[in-house]
Amino acid sequence: DHNEKYTYKTNGDLNKYANYWGLRHRLHFDVTGNLN
């Protein structure tokens, strides 16, 4: 995914900005119940 991160000063003004691509790993388990 494409990430954009901002940091701010104590007065609320913009400080620094980062723009980069990074990896994430995701696992999932689910249960589904249904009625007709």
PDB file of all heavy atoms in Angstrom:
ATOM      1  N   ASP A   1       0.796  -1.215   0.000  1.00  0.00           N
ATOM      2  CA  ASP A   1       0.000   0.000   0.000  1.00  0.00           C
ATOM      3  C   ASP A   1       0.838   1.278   0.000  1.00  0.00           C
ATOM      4  O   ASP A   1       2.005   1.298   0.382  1.00  0.00           O
ATOM      5  CB  ASP A   1      -0.988   0.017   1.168  1.00  0.00           C
ATOM      6  CG  ASP A   1      -0.338  -0.295   2.506  1.00  0.00           C
ATOM      7  OD1 ASP A   1       0.895  -0.242   2.599  1.00  0.00           O
ATOM      8  OD2 ASP A   1      -1.076  -0.598   3.455  1.00  0.00           O
ATOM      9  N   HIS A   2       0.182   2.339  -0.449  1.00  0.00           N
ATOM     10  CA  HIS A   2       0.790   3.662  -0.605  1.00  0.00           C
ATOM     11  C   HIS A   2       0.473   4.491   0.637  1.00  0.00           C
ATOM     12  O   HIS A   2      -0.685   4.781   0.921  1.00  0.00           O
ATOM     13  CB  HIS A   2       0.223   4.328  -1.861  1.00  0.00           C
ATOM     14  CG  HIS A   2       0.855   5.639  -2.191  1.00  0.00           C
ATOM     15  ND1 HIS A   2       0.316   6.509  -3.111  1.00  0.00           N
ATOM     16  CD2 HIS A   2       1.973   6.244  -1.725  1.00  0.00           C
ATOM     17  CE1 HIS A   2       1.075   7.586  -3.207  1.00  0.00           C
ATOM     18  NE2 HIS A   2       2.077   7.448  -2.370  1.00  0.00           N
ATOM     19  N   ASN A   3       1.521   4.883   1.378  1.00  0.00           N
ATOM     20  CA  ASN A   3       1.346   5.580   2.638  1.00  0.00           C
ATOM     21  C   ASN A   3       1.762   7.048   2.525  1.00  0.00           C
ATOM     22  O   ASN A   3       2.757   7.369   1.871  1.00  0.00           O
ATOM     23  CB  ASN A   3       2.191   4.920   3.742  1.00  0.00           C
ATOM     24  CG  ASN A   3       1.791   3.491   3.980  1.00  0.00           C
ATOM     25  OD1 ASN A   3       0.852   3.206   4.708  1.00  0.00           O
ATOM     26  ND2 ASN A   3       2.501   2.559   3.349  1.00  0.00           N
ATOM     27  N   GLU A   4       1.008   7.901   3.201  1.00  0.00           N
ATOM     28  CA  GLU A   4       1.353   9.311   3.337  1.00  0.00           C
ATOM     29  C   GLU A   4       1.224   9.683   4.810  1.00  0.00           C
ATOM     30  O   GLU A   4       0.153   9.533   5.397  1.00  0.00           O
ATOM     31  CB  GLU A   4       0.432  10.191   2.491  1.00  0.00           C
ATOM     32  CG  GLU A   4       0.602   9.971   0.998  1.00  0.00           C
ATOM     33  CD  GLU A   4      -0.321  10.868   0.186  1.00  0.00           C
ATOM     34  OE1 GLU A   4      -1.549  10.688   0.287  1.00  0.00           O
ATOM     35  OE2 GLU A   4       0.193  11.750  -0.533  1.00  0.00           O
ATOM     36  N   LYS A   5       2.310  10.141   5.401  1.00  0.00           N
ATOM     37  CA  LYS A   5       2.311  10.471   6.825  1.00  0.00           C
ATOM     38  C   LYS A   5       2.757  11.914   7.035  1.00  0.00           C
ATOM     39  O   LYS A   5       3.757  12.352   6.464  1.00  0.00           O
ATOM     40  CB  LYS A   5       3.239   9.526   7.606  1.00  0.00           C
ATOM     41  CG  LYS A   5       2.751   8.092   7.660  1.00  0.00           C
ATOM     42  CD  LYS A   5       3.637   7.250   8.539  1.00  0.00           C
ATOM     43  CE  LYS A   5       3.138   5.809   8.620  1.00  0.00           C
ATOM     44  NZ  LYS A   5       1.839   5.701   9.308  1.00  0.00           N
ATOM     45  N   TYR A   6       2.004  12.640   7.869  1.00  0.00           N
ATOM     46  CA  TYR A   6       2.312  14.026   8.210  1.00  0.00           C
ATOM     47  C   TYR A   6       2.648  14.132   9.696  1.00  0.00           C
ATOM     48  O   TYR A   6       2.075  13.410  10.524  1.00  0.00           O
ATOM     49  CB  TYR A   6       1.113  14.936   7.921  1.00  0.00           C
ATOM     50  CG  TYR A   6       0.767  15.072   6.452  1.00  0.00           C
ATOM     51  CD1 TYR A   6      -0.093  14.170   5.829  1.00  0.00           C
ATOM     52  CD2 TYR A   6       1.283  16.120   5.692  1.00  0.00           C
ATOM     53  CE1 TYR A   6      -0.428  14.298   4.482  1.00  0.00           C
ATOM     54  CE2 TYR A   6       0.951  16.265   4.344  1.00  0.00           C
ATOM     55  CZ  TYR A   6       0.093  15.346   3.752  1.00  0.00           C
ATOM     56  OH  TYR A   6      -0.230  15.486   2.424  1.00  0.00           O
ATOM     57  N   THR A   7       3.571  15.028  10.035  1.00  0.00           N
ATOM     58  CA  THR A   7       3.799  15.401  11.429  1.00  0.00           C
ATOM     59  C   THR A   7       3.510  16.891  11.563  1.00  0.00           C
ATOM     60  O   THR A   7       3.655  17.653  10.600  1.00  0.00           O
ATOM     61  CB  THR A   7       5.228  15.101  11.883  1.00  0.00           C
ATOM     62  OG1 THR A   7       6.162  15.817  11.056  1.00  0.00           O
ATOM     63  CG2 THR A   7       5.539  13.609  11.777  1.00  0.00           C
ATOM     64  N   TYR A   8       3.106  17.293  12.772  1.00  0.00           N
ATOM     65  CA  TYR A   8       2.681  18.665  13.002  1.00  0.00           C
ATOM     66  C   TYR A   8       3.450  19.279  14.171  1.00  0.00           C
ATOM     67  O   TYR A   8       3.885  18.571  15.087  1.00  0.00           O
ATOM     68  CB  TYR A   8       1.181  18.709  13.308  1.00  0.00           C
ATOM     69  CG  TYR A   8       0.316  18.212  12.175  1.00  0.00           C
ATOM     70  CD1 TYR A   8       0.039  16.847  12.034  1.00  0.00           C
ATOM     71  CD2 TYR A   8      -0.225  19.091  11.244  1.00  0.00           C
ATOM     72  CE1 TYR A   8      -0.759  16.384  10.993  1.00  0.00           C
ATOM     73  CE2 TYR A   8      -1.023  18.635  10.194  1.00  0.00           C
ATOM     74  CZ  TYR A   8      -1.282  17.286  10.088  1.00  0.00           C
ATOM     75  OH  TYR A   8      -2.055  16.817   9.060  1.00  0.00           O
ATOM     76  N   LYS A   9       3.589  20.582  14.134  1.00  0.00           N
ATOM     77  CA  LYS A   9       4.201  21.314  15.241  1.00  0.00           C
ATOM     78  C   LYS A   9       3.170  21.508  16.354  1.00  0.00           C
ATOM     79  O   LYS A   9       1.986  21.235  16.178  1.00  0.00           O
ATOM     80  CB  LYS A   9       4.706  22.673  14.744  1.00  0.00           C
ATOM     81  CG  LYS A   9       5.765  22.584  13.648  1.00  0.00           C
ATOM     82  CD  LYS A   9       6.163  23.972  13.183  1.00  0.00           C
ATOM     83  CE  LYS A   9       7.182  23.903  12.058  1.00  0.00           C
ATOM     84  NZ  LYS A   9       7.559  25.251  11.555  1.00  0.00           N
ATOM     85  N   THR A  10       3.636  21.998  17.505  1.00  0.00           N
ATOM     86  CA  THR A  10       2.738  22.199  18.634  1.00  0.00           C
ATOM     87  C   THR A  10       1.655  23.236  18.335  1.00  0.00           C
ATOM     88  O   THR A  10       0.577  23.206  18.915  1.00  0.00           O
ATOM     89  CB  THR A  10       3.537  22.636  19.870  1.00  0.00           C
ATOM     90  OG1 THR A  10       4.323  23.792  19.535  1.00  0.00           O
ATOM     91  CG2 THR A  10       4.465  21.516  20.336  1.00  0.00           C
ATOM     92  N   ASN A  11       1.939  24.156  17.404  1.00  0.00           N
ATOM     93  CA  ASN A  11       0.941  25.173  17.053  1.00  0.00           C
ATOM     94  C   ASN A  11      -0.024  24.699  15.955  1.00  0.00           C
ATOM     95  O   ASN A  11      -0.888  25.455  15.513  1.00  0.00           O
ATOM     96  CB  ASN A  11       1.621  26.468  16.619  1.00  0.00           C
ATOM     97  CG  ASN A  11       2.463  26.292  15.343  1.00  0.00           C
ATOM     98  OD1 ASN A  11       2.527  25.195  14.773  1.00  0.00           O
ATOM     99  ND2 ASN A  11       3.102  27.360  14.916  1.00  0.00           N
ATOM    100  N   GLY A  12       0.161  23.443  15.503  1.00  0.00           N
ATOM    101  CA  GLY A  12      -0.726  22.885  14.502  1.00  0.00           C
ATOM    102  C   GLY A  12      -0.243  23.010  13.075  1.00  0.00           C
ATOM    103  O   GLY A  12      -0.870  22.468  12.159  1.00  0.00           O
ATOM    104  N   ASP A  13       0.870  23.736  12.844  1.00  0.00           N
ATOM    105  CA  ASP A  13       1.402  23.872  11.487  1.00  0.00           C
ATOM    106  C   ASP A  13       2.047  22.571  11.033  1.00  0.00           C
ATOM    107  O   ASP A  13       2.546  21.781  11.841  1.00  0.00           O
ATOM    108  CB  ASP A  13       2.441  24.991  11.438  1.00  0.00           C
ATOM    109  CG  ASP A  13       1.821  26.363  11.618  1.00  0.00           C
ATOM    110  OD1 ASP A  13       0.595  26.486  11.448  1.00  0.00           O
ATOM    111  OD2 ASP A  13       2.566  27.314  11.952  1.00  0.00           O
ATOM    112  N   LEU A  14       2.065  22.368   9.709  1.00  0.00           N
ATOM    113  CA  LEU A  14       2.715  21.178   9.158  1.00  0.00           C
ATOM    114  C   LEU A  14       4.212  21.209   9.414  1.00  0.00           C
ATOM    115  O   LEU A  14       4.858  22.258   9.296  1.00  0.00           O
ATOM    116  CB  LEU A  14       2.450  21.088   7.655  1.00  0.00           C
ATOM    117  CG  LEU A  14       1.031  20.659   7.245  1.00  0.00           C
ATOM    118  CD1 LEU A  14       0.817  20.898   5.765  1.00  0.00           C
ATOM    119  CD2 LEU A  14       0.816  19.192   7.573  1.00  0.00           C
ATOM    120  N   ASN A  15       4.756  20.047   9.753  1.00  0.00           N
ATOM    121  CA  ASN A  15       6.185  19.938  10.019  1.00  0.00           C
ATOM    122  C   ASN A  15       6.890  19.163   8.911  1.00  0.00           C
ATOM    123  O   ASN A  15       7.641  19.719   8.128  1.00  0.00           O
ATOM    124  CB  ASN A  15       6.412  19.266  11.377  1.00  0.00           C
ATOM    125  CG  ASN A  15       7.881  19.175  11.740  1.00  0.00           C
ATOM    126  OD1 ASN A  15       8.698  19.930  11.231  1.00  0.00           O
ATOM    127  ND2 ASN A  15       8.219  18.245  12.614  1.00  0.00           N
ATOM    128  N   LYS A  16       6.599  17.832   8.835  1.00  0.00           N
ATOM    129  CA  LYS A  16       7.244  17.004   7.823  1.00  0.00           C
ATOM    130  C   LYS A  16       6.231  16.053   7.196  1.00  0.00           C
ATOM    131  O   LYS A  16       5.180  15.763   7.760  1.00  0.00           O
ATOM    132  CB  LYS A  16       8.414  16.220   8.415  1.00  0.00           C
ATOM    133  CG  LYS A  16       9.572  17.112   8.857  1.00  0.00           C
ATOM    134  CD  LYS A  16      10.789  16.312   9.267  1.00  0.00           C
ATOM    135  CE  LYS A  16      11.940  17.242   9.648  1.00  0.00           C
ATOM    136  NZ  LYS A  16      13.166  16.498  10.003  1.00  0.00           N
ATOM    137  N   TYR A  17       6.608  15.576   5.984  1.00  0.00           N
ATOM    138  CA  TYR A  17       5.717  14.726   5.200  1.00  0.00           C
ATOM    139  C   TYR A  17       6.510  13.574   4.604  1.00  0.00           C
ATOM    140  O   TYR A  17       7.596  13.765   4.049  1.00  0.00           O
ATOM    141  CB  TYR A  17       5.073  15.558   4.092  1.00  0.00           C
ATOM    142  CG  TYR A  17       4.417  14.763   2.988  1.00  0.00           C
ATOM    143  CD1 TYR A  17       3.221  14.084   3.203  1.00  0.00           C
ATOM    144  CD2 TYR A  17       4.990  14.703   1.719  1.00  0.00           C
ATOM    145  CE1 TYR A  17       2.615  13.382   2.185  1.00  0.00           C
ATOM    146  CE2 TYR A  17       4.383  13.994   0.684  1.00  0.00           C
ATOM    147  CZ  TYR A  17       3.199  13.337   0.926  1.00  0.00           C
ATOM    148  OH  TYR A  17       2.600  12.627  -0.073  1.00  0.00           O
ATOM    149  N   ALA A  18       5.960  12.345   4.740  1.00  0.00           N
ATOM    150  CA  ALA A  18       6.588  11.152   4.169  1.00  0.00           C
ATOM    151  C   ALA A  18       5.641  10.490   3.184  1.00  0.00           C
ATOM    152  O   ALA A  18       4.434  10.408   3.424  1.00  0.00           O
ATOM    153  CB  ALA A  18       6.962  10.170   5.269  1.00  0.00           C
ATOM    154  N   ASN A  19       6.184  10.014   2.067  1.00  0.00           N
ATOM    155  CA  ASN A  19       5.402   9.373   1.007  1.00  0.00           C
ATOM    156  C   ASN A  19       6.154   8.115   0.588  1.00  0.00           C
ATOM    157  O   ASN A  19       7.254   8.196   0.053  1.00  0.00           O
ATOM    158  CB  ASN A  19       5.243  10.342  -0.162  1.00  0.00           C
ATOM    159  CG  ASN A  19       4.330   9.797  -1.256  1.00  0.00           C
ATOM    160  OD1 ASN A  19       4.181   8.594  -1.420  1.00  0.00           O
ATOM    161  ND2 ASN A  19       3.736  10.695  -2.015  1.00  0.00           N
ATOM    162  N   TYR A  20       5.569   6.920   0.848  1.00  0.00           N
ATOM    163  CA  TYR A  20       6.290   5.684   0.548  1.00  0.00           C
ATOM    164  C   TYR A  20       5.328   4.512   0.400  1.00  0.00           C
ATOM    165  O   TYR A  20       4.180   4.573   0.822  1.00  0.00           O
ATOM    166  CB  TYR A  20       7.298   5.381   1.658  1.00  0.00           C
ATOM    167  CG  TYR A  20       6.661   5.117   3.006  1.00  0.00           C
ATOM    168  CD1 TYR A  20       6.358   3.823   3.419  1.00  0.00           C
ATOM    169  CD2 TYR A  20       6.346   6.167   3.866  1.00  0.00           C
ATOM    170  CE1 TYR A  20       5.767   3.578   4.643  1.00  0.00           C
ATOM    171  CE2 TYR A  20       5.751   5.933   5.095  1.00  0.00           C
ATOM    172  CZ  TYR A  20       5.470   4.644   5.477  1.00  0.00           C
ATOM    173  OH  TYR A  20       4.869   4.400   6.690  1.00  0.00           O
ATOM    174  N   TRP A  21       5.828   3.426  -0.214  1.00  0.00           N
ATOM    175  CA  TRP A  21       5.091   2.177  -0.345  1.00  0.00           C
ATOM    176  C   TRP A  21       5.596   1.187   0.704  1.00  0.00           C
ATOM    177  O   TRP A  21       6.788   1.143   0.998  1.00  0.00           O
ATOM    178  CB  TRP A  21       5.270   1.581  -1.732  1.00  0.00           C
ATOM    179  CG  TRP A  21       4.503   2.304  -2.793  1.00  0.00           C
ATOM    180  CD1 TRP A  21       4.901   3.419  -3.477  1.00  0.00           C
ATOM    181  CD2 TRP A  21       3.215   1.975  -3.292  1.00  0.00           C
ATOM    182  NE1 TRP A  21       3.934   3.808  -4.371  1.00  0.00           N
ATOM    183  CE2 TRP A  21       2.881   2.933  -4.282  1.00  0.00           C
ATOM    184  CE3 TRP A  21       2.286   0.971  -3.002  1.00  0.00           C
ATOM    185  CZ2 TRP A  21       1.682   2.909  -4.967  1.00  0.00           C
ATOM    186  CZ3 TRP A  21       1.082   0.938  -3.688  1.00  0.00           C
ATOM    187  CH2 TRP A  21       0.793   1.898  -4.665  1.00  0.00           C
ATOM    188  N   GLY A  22       4.677   0.405   1.267  1.00  0.00           N
ATOM    189  CA  GLY A  22       5.059  -0.563   2.285  1.00  0.00           C
ATOM    190  C   GLY A  22       4.206  -1.819   2.222  1.00  0.00           C
ATOM    191  O   GLY A  22       3.115  -1.832   1.640  1.00  0.00           O
ATOM    192  N   LEU A  23       4.710  -2.890   2.837  1.00  0.00           N
ATOM    193  CA  LEU A  23       4.019  -4.179   2.863  1.00  0.00           C
ATOM    194  C   LEU A  23       3.233  -4.354   4.159  1.00  0.00           C
ATOM    195  O   LEU A  23       3.598  -3.823   5.204  1.00  0.00           O
ATOM    196  CB  LEU A  23       5.020  -5.319   2.739  1.00  0.00           C
ATOM    197  CG  LEU A  23       5.720  -5.521   1.393  1.00  0.00           C
ATOM    198  CD1 LEU A  23       6.778  -6.608   1.514  1.00  0.00           C
ATOM    199  CD2 LEU A  23       4.719  -5.880   0.306  1.00  0.00           C
ATOM    200  N   ARG A  24       2.154  -5.122   4.057  1.00  0.00           N
ATOM    201  CA  ARG A  24       1.429  -5.587   5.231  1.00  0.00           C
ATOM    202  C   ARG A  24       1.053  -7.058   5.016  1.00  0.00           C
ATOM    203  O   ARG A  24       0.800  -7.475   3.892  1.00  0.00           O
ATOM    204  CB  ARG A  24       0.151  -4.770   5.470  1.00  0.00           C
ATOM    205  CG  ARG A  24       0.397  -3.382   6.017  1.00  0.00           C
ATOM    206  CD  ARG A  24      -0.915  -2.684   6.372  1.00  0.00           C
ATOM    207  NE  ARG A  24      -1.719  -2.417   5.191  1.00  0.00           N
ATOM    208  CZ  ARG A  24      -3.024  -2.139   5.228  1.00  0.00           C
ATOM    209  NH1 ARG A  24      -3.676  -2.150   6.378  1.00  0.00           N
ATOM    210  NH2 ARG A  24      -3.681  -1.880   4.112  1.00  0.00           N
ATOM    211  N   HIS A  25       1.042  -7.816   6.108  1.00  0.00           N
ATOM    212  CA  HIS A  25       0.618  -9.214   6.073  1.00  0.00           C
ATOM    213  C   HIS A  25      -0.668  -9.330   6.888  1.00  0.00           C
ATOM    214  O   HIS A  25      -0.753  -8.793   7.993  1.00  0.00           O
ATOM    215  CB  HIS A  25       1.685 -10.129   6.672  1.00  0.00           C
ATOM    216  CG  HIS A  25       3.016 -10.011   6.014  1.00  0.00           C
ATOM    217  ND1 HIS A  25       3.339 -10.685   4.858  1.00  0.00           N
ATOM    218  CD2 HIS A  25       4.110  -9.274   6.335  1.00  0.00           C
ATOM    219  CE1 HIS A  25       4.582 -10.386   4.497  1.00  0.00           C
ATOM    220  NE2 HIS A  25       5.068  -9.525   5.381  1.00  0.00           N
ATOM    221  N   ARG A  26      -1.672 -10.043   6.333  1.00  0.00           N
ATOM    222  CA  ARG A  26      -2.962 -10.123   7.013  1.00  0.00           C
ATOM    223  C   ARG A  26      -3.478 -11.555   7.033  1.00  0.00           C
ATOM    224  O   ARG A  26      -3.487 -12.246   6.014  1.00  0.00           O
ATOM    225  CB  ARG A  26      -3.980  -9.219   6.331  1.00  0.00           C
ATOM    226  CG  ARG A  26      -5.399  -9.317   6.893  1.00  0.00           C
ATOM    227  CD  ARG A  26      -6.301  -8.254   6.292  1.00  0.00           C
ATOM    228  NE  ARG A  26      -5.900  -6.919   6.750  1.00  0.00           N
ATOM    229  CZ  ARG A  26      -6.369  -5.797   6.236  1.00  0.00           C
ATOM    230  NH1 ARG A  26      -7.231  -5.835   5.232  1.00  0.00           N
ATOM    231  NH2 ARG A  26      -5.974  -4.629   6.716  1.00  0.00           N
ATOM    232  N   LEU A  27      -3.907 -11.994   8.216  1.00  0.00           N
ATOM    233  CA  LEU A  27      -4.561 -13.289   8.405  1.00  0.00           C
ATOM    234  C   LEU A  27      -5.995 -13.054   8.850  1.00  0.00           C
ATOM    235  O   LEU A  27      -6.270 -12.094   9.587  1.00  0.00           O
ATOM    236  CB  LEU A  27      -3.836 -14.119   9.464  1.00  0.00           C
ATOM    237  CG  LEU A  27      -2.416 -14.581   9.148  1.00  0.00           C
ATOM    238  CD1 LEU A  27      -1.786 -15.190  10.408  1.00  0.00           C
ATOM    239  CD2 LEU A  27      -2.429 -15.612   8.030  1.00  0.00           C
ATOM    240  N   HIS A  28      -6.907 -13.937   8.443  1.00  0.00           N
ATOM    241  CA  HIS A  28      -8.273 -13.815   8.930  1.00  0.00           C
ATOM    242  C   HIS A  28      -8.905 -15.198   9.119  1.00  0.00           C
ATOM    243  O   HIS A  28      -8.562 -16.165   8.429  1.00  0.00           O
ATOM    244  CB  HIS A  28      -9.135 -12.955   7.996  1.00  0.00           C
ATOM    245  CG  HIS A  28      -9.543 -13.643   6.725  1.00  0.00           C
ATOM    246  ND1 HIS A  28      -8.930 -13.426   5.511  1.00  0.00           N
ATOM    247  CD2 HIS A  28     -10.531 -14.562   6.472  1.00  0.00           C
ATOM    248  CE1 HIS A  28      -9.496 -14.166   4.582  1.00  0.00           C
ATOM    249  NE2 HIS A  28     -10.465 -14.858   5.142  1.00  0.00           N
ATOM    250  N   PHE A  29      -9.818 -15.244  10.082  1.00  0.00           N
ATOM    251  CA  PHE A  29     -10.651 -16.420  10.337  1.00  0.00           C
ATOM    252  C   PHE A  29     -12.075 -15.918  10.513  1.00  0.00           C
ATOM    253  O   PHE A  29     -12.305 -14.900  11.173  1.00  0.00           O
ATOM    254  CB  PHE A  29     -10.195 -17.161  11.594  1.00  0.00           C
ATOM    255  CG  PHE A  29      -8.794 -17.694  11.517  1.00  0.00           C
ATOM    256  CD1 PHE A  29      -7.725 -16.935  11.959  1.00  0.00           C
ATOM    257  CD2 PHE A  29      -8.542 -18.948  10.978  1.00  0.00           C
ATOM    258  CE1 PHE A  29      -6.425 -17.413  11.894  1.00  0.00           C
ATOM    259  CE2 PHE A  29      -7.254 -19.437  10.895  1.00  0.00           C
ATOM    260  CZ  PHE A  29      -6.186 -18.668  11.348  1.00  0.00           C
ATOM    261  N   ASP A  30     -13.042 -16.630   9.937  1.00  0.00           N
ATOM    262  CA  ASP A  30     -14.417 -16.155  10.055  1.00  0.00           C
ATOM    263  C   ASP A  30     -15.414 -17.302  10.148  1.00  0.00           C
ATOM    264  O   ASP A  30     -15.130 -18.439   9.777  1.00  0.00           O
ATOM    265  CB  ASP A  30     -14.782 -15.217   8.902  1.00  0.00           C
ATOM    266  CG  ASP A  30     -14.553 -15.820   7.530  1.00  0.00           C
ATOM    267  OD1 ASP A  30     -15.151 -16.868   7.243  1.00  0.00           O
ATOM    268  OD2 ASP A  30     -13.787 -15.242   6.751  1.00  0.00           O
ATOM    269  N   VAL A  31     -16.587 -16.961  10.647  1.00  0.00           N
ATOM    270  CA  VAL A  31     -17.716 -17.884  10.708  1.00  0.00           C
ATOM    271  C   VAL A  31     -18.933 -17.135  10.191  1.00  0.00           C
ATOM    272  O   VAL A  31     -19.157 -15.969  10.526  1.00  0.00           O
ATOM    273  CB  VAL A  31     -17.931 -18.402  12.151  1.00  0.00           C
ATOM    274  CG1 VAL A  31     -18.120 -17.254  13.136  1.00  0.00           C
ATOM    275  CG2 VAL A  31     -19.125 -19.352  12.202  1.00  0.00           C
ATOM    276  N   THR A  32     -19.716 -17.805   9.337  1.00  0.00           N
ATOM    277  CA  THR A  32     -20.882 -17.182   8.714  1.00  0.00           C
ATOM    278  C   THR A  32     -22.108 -18.056   8.927  1.00  0.00           C
ATOM    279  O   THR A  32     -22.087 -19.254   8.635  1.00  0.00           O
ATOM    280  CB  THR A  32     -20.669 -16.986   7.201  1.00  0.00           C
ATOM    281  OG1 THR A  32     -19.485 -16.220   6.980  1.00  0.00           O
ATOM    282  CG2 THR A  32     -21.858 -16.271   6.572  1.00  0.00           C
ATOM    283  N   GLY A  33     -23.160 -17.430   9.436  1.00  0.00           N
ATOM    284  CA  GLY A  33     -24.436 -18.101   9.575  1.00  0.00           C
ATOM    285  C   GLY A  33     -25.459 -17.439   8.667  1.00  0.00           C
ATOM    286  O   GLY A  33     -25.415 -16.220   8.468  1.00  0.00           O
ATOM    287  N   ASN A  34     -26.352 -18.219   8.069  1.00  0.00           N
ATOM    288  CA  ASN A  34     -27.327 -17.633   7.149  1.00  0.00           C
ATOM    289  C   ASN A  34     -28.680 -18.326   7.263  1.00  0.00           C
ATOM    290  O   ASN A  34     -28.780 -19.487   7.655  1.00  0.00           O
ATOM    291  CB  ASN A  34     -26.805 -17.681   5.710  1.00  0.00           C
ATOM    292  CG  ASN A  34     -26.786 -19.082   5.144  1.00  0.00           C
ATOM    293  OD1 ASN A  34     -27.763 -19.538   4.554  1.00  0.00           O
ATOM    294  ND2 ASN A  34     -25.664 -19.798   5.327  1.00  0.00           N
ATOM    295  N   LEU A  35     -29.715 -17.556   6.887  1.00  0.00           N
ATOM    296  CA  LEU A  35     -31.084 -18.054   6.876  1.00  0.00           C
ATOM    297  C   LEU A  35     -31.724 -17.704   5.544  1.00  0.00           C
ATOM    298  O   LEU A  35     -31.483 -16.621   5.002  1.00  0.00           O
ATOM    299  CB  LEU A  35     -31.896 -17.430   8.009  1.00  0.00           C
ATOM    300  CG  LEU A  35     -31.509 -17.812   9.444  1.00  0.00           C
ATOM    301  CD1 LEU A  35     -32.298 -16.956  10.432  1.00  0.00           C
ATOM    302  CD2 LEU A  35     -31.741 -19.290   9.705  1.00  0.00           C
ATOM    303  N   ASN A  36     -32.535 -18.602   5.015  1.00  0.00           N
ATOM    304  CA  ASN A  36     -33.254 -18.364   3.760  1.00  0.00           C
ATOM    305  C   ASN A  36     -34.732 -18.119   4.033  1.00  0.00           C
ATOM    306  O   ASN A  36     -35.354 -18.814   4.844  1.00  0.00           O
ATOM    307  CB  ASN A  36     -33.103 -19.562   2.815  1.00  0.00           C
ATOM    308  CG  ASN A  36     -31.683 -19.701   2.292  1.00  0.00           C
ATOM    309  OD1 ASN A  36     -31.038 -18.715   1.965  1.00  0.00           O
ATOM    310  ND2 ASN A  36     -31.196 -20.937   2.236  1.00  0.00           N
TER     311      ASN A  36
END
